[in-house]
Amino acid sequence: MRDKILRFIRENELIPPGSTLVCAVSGGKDSVCLLHVMLSLQKELSVTVKAAHLNHQLRGEESDRDEAFVRNLCESLFVPLAVSRADVLARCEETGESVEEAARVLRYQFFDSFGSPVATAHTQDDNLETVLLNLVRGTALRGLCGIPPKRGRIIRPMLCVSRQEVEQYLLQHDLAHVEDSSNASDLPLRNRLRHEVLPLLRRENPNLSETVFRMDAVLRQENAYLESQASSLLQSCALPSGGWSCSVLRAAPQALQARAMRMLLSQLRIAKPSQAHVDALVHLISAASGTSSVTLPGGKMLRRSYDVLLIAADDVPQTFEQKALLLGGETEIPELSLRISCRFVKKYEKSMLRLCTFAFKYDTIDEIKALCIRPRRAGDEIQLPGGSRSLKKLLIDRKVPRDARSLVPVVADRAGVLLVYPIAASVTRQAQPGDAAILIHFVHEKEYIQKEDTQ
């Protein structure tokens, strides 16, 4: 068994030479075997072995007995040992997690504290139980891949051996261990599968653990390939202006769409998204409607705006306050990060135009004091080359998202709309060379700051 583990470690490149390897030792059969085997492989792997034990404080005196056993074991083997205690029940009360989940989280926080590879004693049988658990609860390909040999700094050198091989090793080397009384309980689903289901399956295939282990190795390769394809898809549909192209996503096979969406949720740090969230996003990118959205755990939202999938920011304003345009001065719209200057010229010339500058005939303005910048109103219309057009239809035609239409600046007076910035200006009110005119210039906040910095 020792040589089998050594070969598995080398084939999967689990431990870099020169590393300090921390063995997680609970005191049970598997972890005692792990520590003993890894100590025997120190020279061949060029590693230094240490041990770590976390007392979960869930079984009273029995938990303390396990800690004392591990201390004595490591002392007899001359192995440095780190011991810590975790209040699992307190975490359950704080987070609402199950005892199993809370214990797992605290255990891996303990492992992370070492900053070096940590070996756990998972075997082929643990892997088989995990696959069955995922199958019973419902899973995709990833769940059928079982326990990976390596994830981050956590390695599983004993995944290649069965529990029966472990027991034989302990007998051969006369190694003592402790038993966890909770393993006899049928309350956890894993234990029920171990005690009731697996004996029936092993009647059909006595080597079931090894069979599933080999199957998982193949599935992990296929899953890794699909993950790389999904990653490439997500990168190819990313837009320079932000967001992701729905048409590029739709052109991919649906299996890759789902993987890309799950990958996107991971990038957004969405905690434990369900398959329902992934399915909702796949439906969102393929829906016929121009705008729609999906709310995700934690309150985040992904919105589809025509062909673009966007992260909906929590702090995006819904509208902005109407303000008068000050002739010869500057008006600020903080909600839009805009500054608007307005000035009068006796004789307009085209050379006066710059980017984001618009010129209107002075004599078409219905009372200069009424000139303002405001959100769109119901019934607003603007004069375009083809005739009068409602702002509602104009914004729809220009594919402005529904929830962004109230943020489009409209310049108007009592006679109506002069400008829908930056989409269209009224053709009947635009100034011609030689006209007395009002020049309205828009400056975005970033542009304004850059200009100030260069002065």
Protein backbone atom coordinates (compact mmCIF):
# COMPACT_ATOMS: atom_id res chain seq x y z
CA MET A 1 0.00 0.00 0.00
CA ARG A 2 2.90 2.34 0.75
CA ASP A 3 4.25 2.06 -2.81
CA LYS A 4 0.75 2.54 -4.21
CA ILE A 5 0.38 5.82 -2.33
CA LEU A 6 3.87 6.96 -3.38
CA ARG A 7 3.04 6.31 -7.04
CA PHE A 8 -0.28 8.16 -6.71
CA ILE A 9 1.43 11.19 -5.13
CA ARG A 10 4.01 11.37 -7.90
CA GLU A 11 1.55 10.82 -10.74
CA ASN A 12 -0.66 13.64 -9.49
CA GLU A 13 2.23 15.89 -8.35
CA LEU A 14 0.58 16.34 -4.97
CA ILE A 15 3.58 17.50 -2.91
CA PRO A 16 6.41 19.74 -4.16
CA PRO A 17 9.84 18.50 -3.00
CA GLY A 18 11.18 20.48 -0.07
CA SER A 19 7.70 21.13 1.36
CA THR A 20 6.51 20.88 4.91
CA LEU A 21 3.52 18.54 4.86
CA VAL A 22 0.89 18.83 7.59
CA CYS A 23 -1.06 15.60 8.16
CA ALA A 24 -4.56 16.12 9.56
CA VAL A 25 -4.88 13.50 12.30
CA SER A 26 -8.19 12.83 14.04
CA GLY A 27 -7.01 9.61 15.71
CA GLY A 28 -9.21 7.35 13.56
CA LYS A 29 -7.99 4.47 11.41
CA ASP A 30 -7.50 6.42 8.20
CA SER A 31 -5.64 9.38 9.69
CA VAL A 32 -3.31 7.20 11.79
CA CYS A 33 -2.49 5.23 8.64
CA LEU A 34 -1.91 8.49 6.71
CA LEU A 35 0.53 9.83 9.29
CA HIS A 36 2.48 6.56 9.48
CA VAL A 37 2.76 6.19 5.70
CA MET A 38 3.76 9.80 5.10
CA LEU A 39 6.46 9.56 7.78
CA SER A 40 7.88 6.55 5.95
CA LEU A 41 7.91 8.51 2.66
CA GLN A 42 9.68 11.63 3.94
CA LYS A 43 13.05 10.84 2.37
CA GLU A 44 11.66 9.63 -0.97
CA LEU A 45 9.47 12.72 -1.33
CA SER A 46 11.98 15.15 0.21
CA VAL A 47 9.35 16.54 2.60
CA THR A 48 9.11 17.26 6.31
CA VAL A 49 6.03 15.81 8.00
CA LYS A 50 4.14 17.50 10.82
CA ALA A 51 0.70 16.79 12.31
CA ALA A 52 -2.38 18.81 13.20
CA HIS A 53 -5.46 17.98 15.25
CA LEU A 54 -8.68 19.98 15.64
CA ASN A 55 -10.88 19.21 18.63
CA HIS A 56 -14.45 19.95 17.48
CA GLN A 57 -15.74 19.66 21.10
CA LEU A 58 -18.88 17.86 19.91
CA ARG A 59 -18.58 14.58 21.88
CA GLY A 60 -17.52 15.78 25.31
CA GLU A 61 -15.05 13.41 26.99
CA GLU A 62 -14.71 11.39 23.80
CA SER A 63 -13.42 14.45 21.91
CA ASP A 64 -10.89 15.09 24.68
CA ARG A 65 -9.89 11.39 24.57
CA ASP A 66 -9.21 11.71 20.80
CA GLU A 67 -7.05 14.79 21.38
CA ALA A 68 -5.05 13.02 24.11
CA PHE A 69 -4.57 9.98 21.87
CA VAL A 70 -3.23 12.10 19.00
CA ARG A 71 -0.86 13.91 21.37
CA ASN A 72 0.51 10.60 22.65
CA LEU A 73 0.75 9.17 19.12
CA CYS A 74 2.72 12.12 17.79
CA GLU A 75 4.97 12.13 20.84
CA SER A 76 5.77 8.43 20.31
CA LEU A 77 6.52 9.07 16.61
CA PHE A 78 8.53 12.24 17.35
CA VAL A 79 6.23 14.30 15.11
CA PRO A 80 5.59 18.02 15.78
CA LEU A 81 1.90 18.52 16.49
CA ALA A 82 -0.39 21.58 16.30
CA VAL A 83 -3.65 21.34 18.26
CA SER A 84 -6.60 23.70 18.22
CA ARG A 85 -10.20 23.71 19.46
CA ALA A 86 -13.32 24.80 17.59
CA ASP A 87 -16.73 25.77 18.97
CA VAL A 88 -18.87 24.15 16.27
CA LEU A 89 -22.19 24.61 18.05
CA ALA A 90 -21.57 28.34 18.53
CA ARG A 91 -20.98 28.67 14.80
CA CYS A 92 -24.21 26.76 14.10
CA GLU A 93 -26.15 29.25 16.22
CA GLU A 94 -24.46 32.19 14.53
CA THR A 95 -24.77 31.06 10.89
CA GLY A 96 -27.66 28.58 10.86
CA GLU A 97 -25.38 25.94 9.31
CA SER A 98 -25.77 22.25 10.08
CA VAL A 99 -23.32 20.71 12.53
CA GLU A 100 -21.58 18.87 9.67
CA GLU A 101 -21.22 22.03 7.57
CA ALA A 102 -20.06 24.19 10.47
CA ALA A 103 -17.47 21.58 11.48
CA ARG A 104 -16.21 21.35 7.88
CA VAL A 105 -15.85 25.14 7.58
CA LEU A 106 -13.94 25.45 10.86
CA ARG A 107 -11.77 22.47 9.98
CA TYR A 108 -10.69 23.98 6.67
CA GLN A 109 -10.10 27.37 8.30
CA PHE A 110 -7.74 25.54 10.64
CA PHE A 111 -5.99 23.91 7.68
CA ASP A 112 -5.64 27.26 5.89
CA SER A 113 -3.78 28.69 8.88
CA PHE A 114 -0.70 26.58 8.12
CA GLY A 115 0.13 28.08 4.73
CA SER A 116 1.59 24.76 3.54
CA PRO A 117 0.20 21.52 2.00
CA VAL A 118 -2.23 19.72 4.29
CA ALA A 119 -2.93 16.01 3.76
CA THR A 120 -6.30 14.55 4.70
CA ALA A 121 -7.01 10.83 4.99
CA HIS A 122 -9.84 10.41 2.46
CA THR A 123 -9.92 6.95 0.89
CA GLN A 124 -11.63 5.31 -2.08
CA ASP A 125 -14.55 4.46 0.21
CA ASP A 126 -14.98 8.11 1.24
CA ASN A 127 -14.95 9.02 -2.44
CA LEU A 128 -17.62 6.41 -3.24
CA GLU A 129 -19.84 7.69 -0.40
CA THR A 130 -19.43 11.27 -1.64
CA VAL A 131 -20.45 10.31 -5.19
CA LEU A 132 -23.53 8.47 -3.88
CA LEU A 133 -24.44 11.42 -1.65
CA ASN A 134 -24.26 13.78 -4.62
CA LEU A 135 -26.28 11.38 -6.74
CA VAL A 136 -29.03 11.10 -4.11
CA ARG A 137 -29.21 14.89 -3.62
CA GLY A 138 -28.98 15.62 -7.34
CA THR A 139 -25.85 16.64 -9.18
CA ALA A 140 -24.26 17.45 -12.51
CA LEU A 141 -21.03 16.03 -13.92
CA ARG A 142 -18.91 17.86 -11.36
CA GLY A 143 -20.60 16.03 -8.48
CA LEU A 144 -19.94 12.66 -10.11
CA CYS A 145 -16.20 13.45 -10.25
CA GLY A 146 -15.97 12.71 -6.54
CA ILE A 147 -13.23 14.00 -4.25
CA PRO A 148 -10.32 15.57 -6.18
CA PRO A 149 -6.78 14.42 -5.27
CA LYS A 150 -5.83 18.07 -4.80
CA ARG A 151 -7.71 21.30 -4.19
CA GLY A 152 -5.61 24.31 -3.37
CA ARG A 153 -3.24 23.32 -0.57
CA ILE A 154 -5.40 20.33 0.48
CA ILE A 155 -4.12 16.99 -0.82
CA ARG A 156 -5.55 13.46 -0.49
CA PRO A 157 -2.71 10.95 -0.87
CA MET A 158 -4.86 7.98 0.21
CA LEU A 159 -7.63 8.33 -2.39
CA CYS A 160 -6.03 5.45 -4.25
CA VAL A 161 -6.55 2.93 -1.41
CA SER A 162 -9.61 1.33 0.15
CA ARG A 163 -10.67 1.25 3.78
CA GLN A 164 -9.96 -2.49 3.79
CA GLU A 165 -6.35 -1.83 2.73
CA VAL A 166 -6.04 0.70 5.54
CA GLU A 167 -7.22 -1.84 8.12
CA GLN A 168 -4.72 -4.40 6.81
CA TYR A 169 -1.91 -1.83 7.07
CA LEU A 170 -2.80 -1.03 10.69
CA LEU A 171 -2.72 -4.73 11.58
CA GLN A 172 0.62 -5.28 9.83
CA HIS A 173 2.24 -2.39 11.70
CA ASP A 174 0.38 -2.93 14.99
CA LEU A 175 -0.98 0.63 15.01
CA ALA A 176 -3.64 1.66 17.52
CA HIS A 177 -6.47 4.08 16.77
CA VAL A 178 -9.65 5.47 18.32
CA GLU A 179 -13.23 5.00 17.13
CA ASP A 180 -15.66 7.89 16.67
CA SER A 181 -18.96 6.75 18.22
CA SER A 182 -20.91 9.02 15.86
CA ASN A 183 -19.91 6.77 12.95
CA ALA A 184 -22.31 4.13 14.31
CA SER A 185 -25.31 6.46 14.14
CA ASP A 186 -27.72 6.19 11.21
CA LEU A 187 -28.88 9.79 11.54
CA PRO A 188 -26.44 11.27 8.98
CA LEU A 189 -27.28 10.31 5.39
CA ARG A 190 -23.66 9.34 4.74
CA ASN A 191 -23.82 6.75 7.52
CA ARG A 192 -27.10 5.30 6.25
CA LEU A 193 -25.58 4.90 2.79
CA ARG A 194 -22.50 3.28 4.34
CA HIS A 195 -24.44 0.86 6.52
CA GLU A 196 -27.47 0.02 4.38
CA VAL A 197 -26.91 0.82 0.69
CA LEU A 198 -23.25 0.07 0.04
CA PRO A 199 -23.39 -3.56 1.29
CA LEU A 200 -26.11 -4.23 -1.31
CA LEU A 201 -24.11 -2.58 -4.10
CA ARG A 202 -20.96 -4.47 -3.16
CA ARG A 203 -22.80 -7.74 -3.58
CA GLU A 204 -23.02 -6.83 -7.26
CA ASN A 205 -19.49 -5.44 -7.44
CA PRO A 206 -17.09 -6.20 -4.57
CA ASN A 207 -14.58 -3.73 -6.08
CA LEU A 208 -17.09 -0.88 -6.33
CA SER A 209 -14.87 1.66 -4.54
CA GLU A 210 -12.02 1.13 -7.00
CA THR A 211 -14.41 1.07 -9.98
CA VAL A 212 -15.90 4.46 -9.04
CA PHE A 213 -12.40 5.81 -8.31
CA ARG A 214 -11.28 4.92 -11.86
CA MET A 215 -14.50 6.34 -13.30
CA ASP A 216 -13.94 9.61 -11.44
CA ALA A 217 -10.42 9.96 -12.87
CA VAL A 218 -11.92 9.86 -16.40
CA LEU A 219 -14.78 12.20 -15.51
CA ARG A 220 -12.38 14.73 -13.98
CA GLN A 221 -10.44 14.90 -17.24
CA GLU A 222 -13.63 15.44 -19.24
CA ASN A 223 -14.90 17.97 -16.73
CA ALA A 224 -11.60 19.89 -16.87
CA TYR A 225 -11.86 20.07 -20.67
CA LEU A 226 -15.43 21.39 -20.52
CA GLU A 227 -14.41 23.91 -17.87
CA SER A 228 -11.62 25.22 -20.12
CA GLN A 229 -14.09 25.56 -23.00
CA ALA A 230 -16.55 27.43 -20.76
CA SER A 231 -13.77 29.74 -19.59
CA SER A 232 -12.83 30.50 -23.21
CA LEU A 233 -16.50 31.19 -24.00
CA LEU A 234 -16.84 33.60 -21.07
CA GLN A 235 -13.70 35.44 -22.17
CA SER A 236 -14.80 35.63 -25.82
CA CYS A 237 -18.20 37.12 -24.96
CA ALA A 238 -16.77 39.78 -22.58
CA LEU A 239 -17.31 43.27 -24.00
CA PRO A 240 -14.71 46.06 -23.78
CA SER A 241 -17.37 48.44 -22.50
CA GLY A 242 -18.40 46.00 -19.77
CA GLY A 243 -20.81 43.09 -19.60
CA TRP A 244 -21.10 40.02 -21.81
CA SER A 245 -22.57 39.46 -25.27
CA CYS A 246 -25.75 37.38 -25.12
CA SER A 247 -25.56 36.51 -28.83
CA VAL A 248 -22.07 35.00 -28.40
CA LEU A 249 -23.30 33.00 -25.40
CA ARG A 250 -26.40 31.82 -27.27
CA ALA A 251 -24.29 30.56 -30.17
CA ALA A 252 -22.48 28.12 -27.87
CA PRO A 253 -23.86 24.67 -26.93
CA GLN A 254 -26.26 24.90 -24.01
CA ALA A 255 -23.99 22.73 -21.87
CA LEU A 256 -21.25 25.34 -22.21
CA GLN A 257 -23.72 28.17 -21.61
CA ALA A 258 -24.65 26.65 -18.24
CA ARG A 259 -21.01 26.13 -17.28
CA ALA A 260 -20.11 29.68 -18.32
CA MET A 261 -22.96 31.05 -16.19
CA ARG A 262 -21.87 29.01 -13.18
CA MET A 263 -18.32 30.26 -13.74
CA LEU A 264 -19.60 33.83 -13.93
CA LEU A 265 -21.46 33.40 -10.64
CA SER A 266 -18.22 32.13 -9.09
CA GLN A 267 -16.36 35.21 -10.36
CA LEU A 268 -19.06 37.40 -8.82
CA ARG A 269 -18.55 35.53 -5.53
CA ILE A 270 -22.12 34.34 -5.33
CA ALA A 271 -22.22 31.93 -2.40
CA LYS A 272 -23.52 28.47 -3.34
CA PRO A 273 -25.69 29.31 -6.38
CA SER A 274 -28.32 26.67 -7.06
CA GLN A 275 -28.96 24.99 -10.39
CA ALA A 276 -32.15 27.08 -10.52
CA HIS A 277 -30.03 30.26 -10.64
CA VAL A 278 -27.87 28.83 -13.43
CA ASP A 279 -30.98 27.78 -15.38
CA ALA A 280 -32.50 31.24 -14.90
CA LEU A 281 -29.39 32.89 -16.37
CA VAL A 282 -29.36 30.54 -19.36
CA HIS A 283 -33.02 31.44 -19.95
CA LEU A 284 -32.20 35.13 -19.48
CA ILE A 285 -29.56 35.22 -22.23
CA SER A 286 -31.86 33.39 -24.66
CA ALA A 287 -35.10 35.27 -23.87
CA ALA A 288 -36.79 37.26 -26.62
CA SER A 289 -37.51 40.32 -24.47
CA GLY A 290 -35.23 43.34 -24.73
CA THR A 291 -34.63 43.77 -21.01
CA SER A 292 -34.98 41.37 -18.12
CA SER A 293 -33.10 40.45 -14.94
CA VAL A 294 -32.30 37.66 -12.46
CA THR A 295 -31.85 38.30 -8.74
CA LEU A 296 -29.07 36.25 -7.17
CA PRO A 297 -28.22 35.23 -3.58
CA GLY A 298 -26.91 38.16 -1.58
CA GLY A 299 -29.10 40.66 -3.43
CA LYS A 300 -26.92 40.97 -6.52
CA MET A 301 -28.63 41.16 -9.89
CA LEU A 302 -27.69 40.35 -13.48
CA ARG A 303 -29.67 42.27 -16.09
CA ARG A 304 -30.01 41.67 -19.78
CA SER A 305 -30.22 44.88 -21.79
CA TYR A 306 -30.95 43.81 -25.35
CA ASP A 307 -27.81 41.87 -26.35
CA VAL A 308 -25.73 42.74 -23.28
CA LEU A 309 -25.69 40.92 -19.94
CA LEU A 310 -24.75 43.38 -17.19
CA ILE A 311 -24.17 43.43 -13.47
CA ALA A 312 -26.87 45.67 -12.03
CA ALA A 313 -25.15 48.04 -9.62
CA ASP A 314 -26.86 48.60 -6.28
CA ASP A 315 -26.12 52.33 -6.32
CA VAL A 316 -27.46 53.21 -9.78
CA PRO A 317 -29.94 56.12 -9.41
CA GLN A 318 -33.49 55.62 -10.69
CA THR A 319 -33.83 59.18 -11.99
CA PHE A 320 -32.43 62.67 -11.40
CA GLU A 321 -33.68 66.05 -10.24
CA GLN A 322 -34.78 68.67 -12.77
CA LYS A 323 -32.54 71.76 -12.81
CA ALA A 324 -32.57 75.10 -14.63
CA LEU A 325 -29.83 75.73 -17.19
CA LEU A 326 -27.98 78.84 -16.10
CA LEU A 327 -27.16 81.16 -18.98
CA GLY A 328 -23.48 82.06 -18.74
CA GLY A 329 -22.99 79.53 -15.95
CA GLU A 330 -22.75 75.83 -15.20
CA THR A 331 -25.34 73.31 -14.00
CA GLU A 332 -24.35 70.10 -12.26
CA ILE A 333 -26.32 66.83 -12.30
CA PRO A 334 -24.55 64.71 -9.64
CA GLU A 335 -26.75 61.65 -10.24
CA LEU A 336 -25.38 61.46 -13.81
CA SER A 337 -21.88 62.82 -13.09
CA LEU A 338 -22.60 65.59 -15.63
CA ARG A 339 -21.82 69.30 -15.80
CA ILE A 340 -23.69 71.40 -18.38
CA SER A 341 -22.56 74.86 -19.44
CA CYS A 342 -24.89 77.23 -21.29
CA ARG A 343 -23.87 80.47 -23.08
CA PHE A 344 -25.27 82.97 -25.57
CA VAL A 345 -23.48 83.92 -28.84
CA LYS A 346 -24.61 86.74 -31.14
CA LYS A 347 -23.40 84.99 -34.28
CA TYR A 348 -23.13 81.24 -34.33
CA GLU A 349 -20.37 79.63 -36.38
CA LYS A 350 -19.81 75.90 -36.92
CA SER A 351 -16.27 76.28 -35.64
CA MET A 352 -17.82 76.84 -32.20
CA LEU A 353 -19.02 73.26 -32.07
CA ARG A 354 -17.05 70.72 -30.07
CA LEU A 355 -17.76 67.19 -29.02
CA CYS A 356 -20.91 67.13 -26.82
CA THR A 357 -21.84 70.73 -27.82
CA PHE A 358 -25.25 71.61 -29.28
CA ALA A 359 -26.43 74.95 -30.77
CA PHE A 360 -30.05 76.17 -30.76
CA LYS A 361 -31.66 79.30 -32.25
CA TYR A 362 -32.06 81.90 -29.56
CA ASP A 363 -35.39 83.16 -30.89
CA THR A 364 -36.96 79.67 -30.64
CA ILE A 365 -36.39 79.49 -26.88
CA ASP A 366 -39.67 80.10 -25.03
CA GLU A 367 -38.42 82.21 -22.12
CA ILE A 368 -34.78 81.60 -21.35
CA LYS A 369 -35.50 81.25 -17.62
CA ALA A 370 -37.63 78.19 -18.37
CA LEU A 371 -34.76 76.36 -20.09
CA CYS A 372 -34.00 73.27 -18.05
CA ILE A 373 -32.54 69.79 -18.03
CA ARG A 374 -34.84 67.07 -16.74
CA PRO A 375 -35.86 63.40 -17.09
CA ARG A 376 -38.26 62.33 -19.86
CA ARG A 377 -41.96 62.94 -19.27
CA ALA A 378 -45.00 61.12 -20.58
CA GLY A 379 -46.05 62.64 -23.88
CA ASP A 380 -42.64 64.21 -24.68
CA GLU A 381 -41.95 64.53 -28.41
CA ILE A 382 -39.06 65.79 -30.50
CA GLN A 383 -38.90 67.04 -34.08
CA LEU A 384 -36.68 64.79 -36.21
CA PRO A 385 -36.00 64.84 -39.98
CA GLY A 386 -38.89 62.42 -40.55
CA GLY A 387 -41.33 64.38 -38.39
CA SER A 388 -42.42 64.38 -34.76
CA ARG A 389 -41.34 61.37 -32.69
CA SER A 390 -42.29 60.43 -29.14
CA LEU A 391 -39.33 60.08 -26.80
CA LYS A 392 -40.67 56.74 -25.64
CA LYS A 393 -40.45 55.26 -29.15
CA LEU A 394 -37.14 56.97 -29.81
CA LEU A 395 -35.50 55.42 -26.75
CA ILE A 396 -36.94 52.00 -27.55
CA ASP A 397 -35.62 52.22 -31.13
CA ARG A 398 -32.19 53.21 -29.80
CA LYS A 399 -32.32 50.16 -27.47
CA VAL A 400 -32.04 52.16 -24.27
CA PRO A 401 -32.88 49.75 -21.41
CA ARG A 402 -36.25 50.35 -19.75
CA ASP A 403 -34.74 51.06 -16.32
CA ALA A 404 -32.24 53.52 -17.83
CA ARG A 405 -34.74 55.65 -19.79
CA SER A 406 -35.51 57.88 -16.82
CA LEU A 407 -31.79 58.69 -16.65
CA VAL A 408 -31.55 60.09 -20.19
CA PRO A 409 -31.10 63.91 -19.94
CA VAL A 410 -33.71 65.98 -21.78
CA VAL A 411 -33.17 69.70 -22.47
CA ALA A 412 -36.50 71.51 -22.77
CA ASP A 413 -38.33 74.80 -22.39
CA ARG A 414 -42.01 75.66 -22.26
CA ALA A 415 -42.38 75.00 -25.99
CA GLY A 416 -41.08 71.44 -25.74
CA VAL A 417 -37.96 69.33 -26.19
CA LEU A 418 -34.79 70.74 -27.72
CA LEU A 419 -32.44 67.84 -27.05
CA VAL A 420 -32.37 64.23 -25.91
CA TYR A 421 -28.73 63.87 -24.87
CA PRO A 422 -26.78 62.40 -26.58
CA ILE A 423 -29.32 60.80 -28.91
CA ALA A 424 -31.08 63.51 -30.91
CA ALA A 425 -31.63 67.28 -31.22
CA SER A 426 -34.76 69.03 -32.55
CA VAL A 427 -34.17 69.85 -36.25
CA THR A 428 -36.58 72.79 -36.14
CA ARG A 429 -34.68 74.51 -33.33
CA GLN A 430 -31.07 73.91 -34.27
CA ALA A 431 -29.03 77.03 -35.01
CA GLN A 432 -27.59 77.77 -38.44
CA PRO A 433 -24.42 79.80 -39.12
CA GLY A 434 -25.09 83.50 -38.48
CA ASP A 435 -27.97 82.87 -36.01
CA ALA A 436 -28.02 84.24 -32.50
CA ALA A 437 -27.72 81.02 -30.54
CA ILE A 438 -27.60 79.25 -27.22
CA LEU A 439 -24.65 76.81 -26.96
CA ILE A 440 -25.12 73.93 -24.56
CA HIS A 441 -22.05 71.85 -23.71
CA PHE A 442 -21.98 68.61 -21.72
CA VAL A 443 -18.95 67.57 -19.67
CA HIS A 444 -18.77 64.17 -17.98
CA GLU A 445 -17.35 64.22 -14.47
CA LYS A 446 -14.27 62.12 -15.37
CA GLU A 447 -13.46 64.46 -18.25
CA TYR A 448 -13.88 67.47 -15.96
CA ILE A 449 -11.51 66.04 -13.36
CA GLN A 450 -8.90 65.23 -15.98
CA LYS A 451 -9.03 68.81 -17.29
CA GLU A 452 -8.61 70.22 -13.79
CA ASP A 453 -5.63 67.94 -13.19
CA THR A 454 -3.85 69.24 -16.29
CA GLN A 455 -4.23 72.88 -15.34
